[in-house]
C-alpha atoms as a PDB file:
ATOM      1  CA  MET A   1     -56.093  79.987 -48.125  1.00  0.00           C
ATOM      2  CA  SER A   2     -58.681  77.258 -47.003  1.00  0.00           C
ATOM      3  CA  ARG A   3     -62.109  78.178 -47.473  1.00  0.00           C
ATOM      4  CA  GLN A   4     -62.579  77.786 -43.873  1.00  0.00           C
ATOM      5  CA  LEU A   5     -59.395  80.224 -43.245  1.00  0.00           C
ATOM      6  CA  MET A   6     -60.346  82.980 -45.054  1.00  0.00           C
ATOM      7  CA  THR A   7     -63.418  85.057 -45.280  1.00  0.00           C
ATOM      8  CA  THR A   8     -64.023  88.452 -46.683  1.00  0.00           C
ATOM      9  CA  GLN A   9     -66.236  91.181 -45.364  1.00  0.00           C
ATOM     10  CA  ASN A  10     -67.231  93.659 -48.198  1.00  0.00           C
ATOM     11  CA  ALA A  11     -68.826  97.037 -47.935  1.00  0.00           C
ATOM     12  CA  GLN A  12     -71.550  97.431 -50.589  1.00  0.00           C
ATOM     13  CA  ALA A  13     -74.489  99.422 -51.037  1.00  0.00           C
ATOM     14  CA  PRO A  14     -77.651  97.281 -52.257  1.00  0.00           C
ATOM     15  CA  GLN A  15     -78.462  97.551 -56.067  1.00  0.00           C
ATOM     16  CA  THR A  16     -80.950  99.921 -55.991  1.00  0.00           C
ATOM     17  CA  GLN A  17     -81.750 103.053 -58.389  1.00  0.00           C
ATOM     18  CA  GLU A  18     -82.551 104.849 -54.966  1.00  0.00           C
ATOM     19  CA  SER A  19     -79.284 103.620 -53.425  1.00  0.00           C
ATOM     20  CA  GLN A  20     -77.166 104.148 -56.669  1.00  0.00           C
ATOM     21  CA  GLN A  21     -78.444 108.013 -56.700  1.00  0.00           C
ATOM     22  CA  GLN A  22     -77.587 108.094 -53.070  1.00  0.00           C
ATOM     23  CA  LEU A  23     -74.180 107.031 -53.793  1.00  0.00           C
ATOM     24  CA  ALA A  24     -73.401 109.168 -56.828  1.00  0.00           C
ATOM     25  CA  GLN A  25     -74.080 112.265 -54.582  1.00  0.00           C
ATOM     26  CA  GLN A  26     -71.575 111.497 -51.896  1.00  0.00           C
ATOM     27  CA  GLU A  27     -68.297 113.067 -52.476  1.00  0.00           C
ATOM     28  CA  ARG A  28     -66.143 109.858 -52.303  1.00  0.00           C
ATOM     29  CA  GLN A  29     -66.794 106.330 -53.950  1.00  0.00           C
ATOM     30  CA  LEU A  30     -66.334 103.433 -51.672  1.00  0.00           C
ATOM     31  CA  ARG A  31     -65.283 100.523 -54.026  1.00  0.00           C
ATOM     32  CA  MET A  32     -63.810  96.901 -53.075  1.00  0.00           C
ATOM     33  CA  PRO A  33     -60.654  96.096 -55.170  1.00  0.00           C
ATOM     34  CA  PRO A  34     -61.155  93.097 -56.884  1.00  0.00           C
ATOM     35  CA  VAL A  35     -58.661  90.261 -55.612  1.00  0.00           C
ATOM     36  CA  ASP A  36     -56.717  86.844 -56.300  1.00  0.00           C
ATOM     37  CA  ILE A  37     -56.001  84.728 -53.581  1.00  0.00           C
ATOM     38  CA  SER A  38     -53.218  81.946 -54.189  1.00  0.00           C
ATOM     39  CA  GLU A  39     -51.839  79.232 -51.924  1.00  0.00           C
ATOM     40  CA  CYS A  40     -48.110  78.234 -52.217  1.00  0.00           C
ATOM     41  CA  GLU A  41     -46.575  75.774 -49.586  1.00  0.00           C
ATOM     42  CA  ASN A  42     -45.220  78.636 -47.809  1.00  0.00           C
ATOM     43  CA  GLU A  43     -47.512  81.440 -47.835  1.00  0.00           C
ATOM     44  CA  PHE A  44     -50.814  83.114 -49.454  1.00  0.00           C
ATOM     45  CA  VAL A  45     -50.633  86.008 -51.647  1.00  0.00           C
ATOM     46  CA  ILE A  46     -53.214  88.232 -52.072  1.00  0.00           C
ATOM     47  CA  GLU A  47     -52.954  90.536 -55.370  1.00  0.00           C
ATOM     48  CA  ALA A  48     -55.598  93.744 -55.252  1.00  0.00           C
ATOM     49  CA  ASP A  49     -56.116  95.623 -58.514  1.00  0.00           C
ATOM     50  CA  MET A  50     -55.743  99.207 -57.110  1.00  0.00           C
ATOM     51  CA  PRO A  51     -55.439 101.287 -60.563  1.00  0.00           C
ATOM     52  CA  GLY A  52     -54.592 105.274 -59.950  1.00  0.00           C
ATOM     53  CA  THR A  53     -53.619 104.502 -56.137  1.00  0.00           C
ATOM     54  CA  LYS A  54     -50.665 106.280 -55.142  1.00  0.00           C
ATOM     55  CA  GLU A  55     -48.406 104.440 -53.205  1.00  0.00           C
ATOM     56  CA  GLU A  56     -48.637 106.341 -50.351  1.00  0.00           C
ATOM     57  CA  ASN A  57     -52.017 106.558 -49.860  1.00  0.00           C
ATOM     58  CA  ILE A  58     -52.481 102.756 -49.446  1.00  0.00           C
ATOM     59  CA  ASP A  59     -52.878 101.208 -45.935  1.00  0.00           C
ATOM     60  CA  VAL A  60     -52.367  97.682 -44.995  1.00  0.00           C
ATOM     61  CA  GLN A  61     -53.039  96.455 -41.575  1.00  0.00           C
ATOM     62  CA  PHE A  62     -52.970  92.785 -39.541  1.00  0.00           C
ATOM     63  CA  HIS A  63     -54.841  93.296 -36.422  1.00  0.00           C
ATOM     64  CA  GLN A  64     -56.252  90.218 -34.320  1.00  0.00           C
ATOM     65  CA  GLY A  65     -56.133  87.876 -37.189  1.00  0.00           C
ATOM     66  CA  GLU A  66     -57.661  90.391 -39.584  1.00  0.00           C
ATOM     67  CA  LEU A  67     -56.073  91.707 -42.683  1.00  0.00           C
ATOM     68  CA  THR A  68     -57.846  95.035 -43.892  1.00  0.00           C
ATOM     69  CA  ILE A  69     -56.436  97.044 -47.400  1.00  0.00           C
ATOM     70  CA  ARG A  70     -57.307 100.617 -47.649  1.00  0.00           C
ATOM     71  CA  GLY A  71     -56.607 103.003 -50.570  1.00  0.00           C
ATOM     72  CA  LYS A  72     -57.206 106.630 -51.686  1.00  0.00           C
ATOM     73  CA  VAL A  73     -57.747 107.971 -55.439  1.00  0.00           C
ATOM     74  CA  ASP A  74     -57.395 111.327 -55.453  1.00  0.00           C
ATOM     75  CA  VAL A  75     -58.738 113.338 -58.561  1.00  0.00           C
ATOM     76  CA  PRO A  76     -57.192 116.600 -59.075  1.00  0.00           C
ATOM     77  CA  GLU A  77     -59.639 119.645 -58.446  1.00  0.00           C
ATOM     78  CA  GLN A  78     -60.368 121.358 -61.609  1.00  0.00           C
ATOM     79  CA  SER A  79     -63.085 123.839 -62.987  1.00  0.00           C
ATOM     80  CA  SER A  80     -65.996 122.015 -63.944  1.00  0.00           C
ATOM     81  CA  ASP A  81     -66.716 124.413 -66.764  1.00  0.00           C
ATOM     82  CA  HIS A  82     -64.729 122.717 -69.157  1.00  0.00           C
ATOM     83  CA  TYR A  83     -65.635 119.342 -69.048  1.00  0.00           C
ATOM     84  CA  ARG A  84     -68.750 117.821 -71.123  1.00  0.00           C
ATOM     85  CA  PHE A  85     -68.749 114.413 -69.335  1.00  0.00           C
ATOM     86  CA  ARG A  86     -66.829 113.487 -66.201  1.00  0.00           C
ATOM     87  CA  GLN A  87     -66.706 110.163 -64.756  1.00  0.00           C
ATOM     88  CA  PHE A  88     -63.428 110.123 -62.720  1.00  0.00           C
ATOM     89  CA  GLU A  89     -64.139 110.826 -59.233  1.00  0.00           C
ATOM     90  CA  PRO A  90     -62.153 110.667 -55.787  1.00  0.00           C
ATOM     91  CA  THR A  91     -62.478 106.959 -54.903  1.00  0.00           C
ATOM     92  CA  ASP A  92     -61.502 105.041 -51.792  1.00  0.00           C
ATOM     93  CA  PHE A  93     -60.911 101.342 -51.697  1.00  0.00           C
ATOM     94  CA  TYR A  94     -61.542  99.065 -48.991  1.00  0.00           C
ATOM     95  CA  ARG A  95     -61.293  95.352 -48.380  1.00  0.00           C
ATOM     96  CA  ALA A  96     -61.168  93.283 -44.986  1.00  0.00           C
ATOM     97  CA  PHE A  97     -60.351  89.712 -44.612  1.00  0.00           C
ATOM     98  CA  ARG A  98     -60.595  87.362 -41.619  1.00  0.00           C
ATOM     99  CA  ILE A  99     -57.416  85.102 -41.803  1.00  0.00           C
ATOM    100  CA  GLY A 100     -57.166  83.873 -38.014  1.00  0.00           C
ATOM    101  CA  GLU A 101     -53.596  83.041 -36.861  1.00  0.00           C
ATOM    102  CA  SER A 102     -52.870  81.138 -39.790  1.00  0.00           C
ATOM    103  CA  VAL A 103     -50.088  83.240 -40.621  1.00  0.00           C
ATOM    104  CA  ASP A 104     -46.902  84.984 -39.253  1.00  0.00           C
ATOM    105  CA  ALA A 105     -47.924  88.346 -38.746  1.00  0.00           C
ATOM    106  CA  THR A 106     -44.576  89.758 -38.148  1.00  0.00           C
ATOM    107  CA  ASN A 107     -43.305  88.767 -41.802  1.00  0.00           C
ATOM    108  CA  ILE A 108     -46.259  89.945 -43.776  1.00  0.00           C
ATOM    109  CA  SER A 109     -45.112  92.178 -46.425  1.00  0.00           C
ATOM    110  CA  ALA A 110     -46.467  94.048 -49.127  1.00  0.00           C
ATOM    111  CA  ARG A 111     -45.716  95.821 -52.458  1.00  0.00           C
ATOM    112  CA  TYR A 112     -47.397  97.774 -54.694  1.00  0.00           C
ATOM    113  CA  ALA A 113     -46.234  97.859 -58.727  1.00  0.00           C
ATOM    114  CA  ASP A 114     -48.046  98.709 -61.831  1.00  0.00           C
ATOM    115  CA  GLY A 115     -51.742  99.562 -60.273  1.00  0.00           C
ATOM    116  CA  VAL A 116     -51.522  95.924 -58.329  1.00  0.00           C
ATOM    117  CA  LEU A 117     -51.195  95.719 -54.582  1.00  0.00           C
ATOM    118  CA  THR A 118     -49.455  92.389 -53.738  1.00  0.00           C
ATOM    119  CA  VAL A 119     -49.555  91.163 -49.978  1.00  0.00           C
ATOM    120  CA  HIS A 120     -47.329  87.967 -49.145  1.00  0.00           C
ATOM    121  CA  LEU A 121     -48.729  86.368 -45.931  1.00  0.00           C
ATOM    122  CA  PRO A 122     -46.554  83.600 -44.582  1.00  0.00           C
ATOM    123  CA  LYS A 123     -48.026  80.645 -43.263  1.00  0.00           C
ATOM    124  CA  ALA A 124     -47.531  80.141 -39.454  1.00  0.00           C
ATOM    125  CA  GLU A 125     -45.337  77.285 -38.656  1.00  0.00           C
ATOM    126  CA  THR A 126     -48.070  75.132 -37.504  1.00  0.00           C
ATOM    127  CA  LEU A 127     -49.521  75.215 -41.237  1.00  0.00           C
ATOM    128  CA  LYS A 128     -46.400  74.401 -43.084  1.00  0.00           C
ATOM    129  CA  PRO A 129     -46.207  70.771 -44.062  1.00  0.00           C
ATOM    130  CA  ARG A 130     -44.080  68.824 -42.219  1.00  0.00           C
ATOM    131  CA  LYS A 131     -42.263  65.196 -42.724  1.00  0.00           C
ATOM    132  CA  ILE A 132     -42.930  62.723 -40.234  1.00  0.00           C
ATOM    133  CA  GLU A 133     -39.848  59.962 -40.294  1.00  0.00           C
ATOM    134  CA  VAL A 134     -40.956  56.182 -39.656  1.00  0.00           C
ATOM    135  CA  ALA A 135     -38.703  54.780 -37.432  1.00  0.00           C
ATOM    136  CA  ARG A 136     -37.874  51.148 -37.594  1.00  0.00           C
ATOM    137  CA  LYS A 137     -37.919  48.948 -34.907  1.00  0.00           C
END
């Protein structure tokens, strides 16, 4: 996507020791999945790394020119008496992209495999390159 076409909105806590402690005390962590964004002739492709997320816990929406990706990783409840150290926590993923009217919203598709969500955003006809024939006199 062109630089002007897409901006990301990221929810991120300030990087202070106090905010990290508050974040650790919350029941669920909010994380931004890392993404790769590529542009082909007919579409844009977003690949989001969301390991541990089940397909049924992923929500992709496009509304008023904004694509949002949400996901949830649940950790089975087990007695904490047996753990000496545990870092697996319930986690929510969230990422939003301001795309505008540059895509064909009716044909957006998404697929989740091997921990990676791939979203295909077909370009709107107005963005696709068009060859213009030059007429002879």
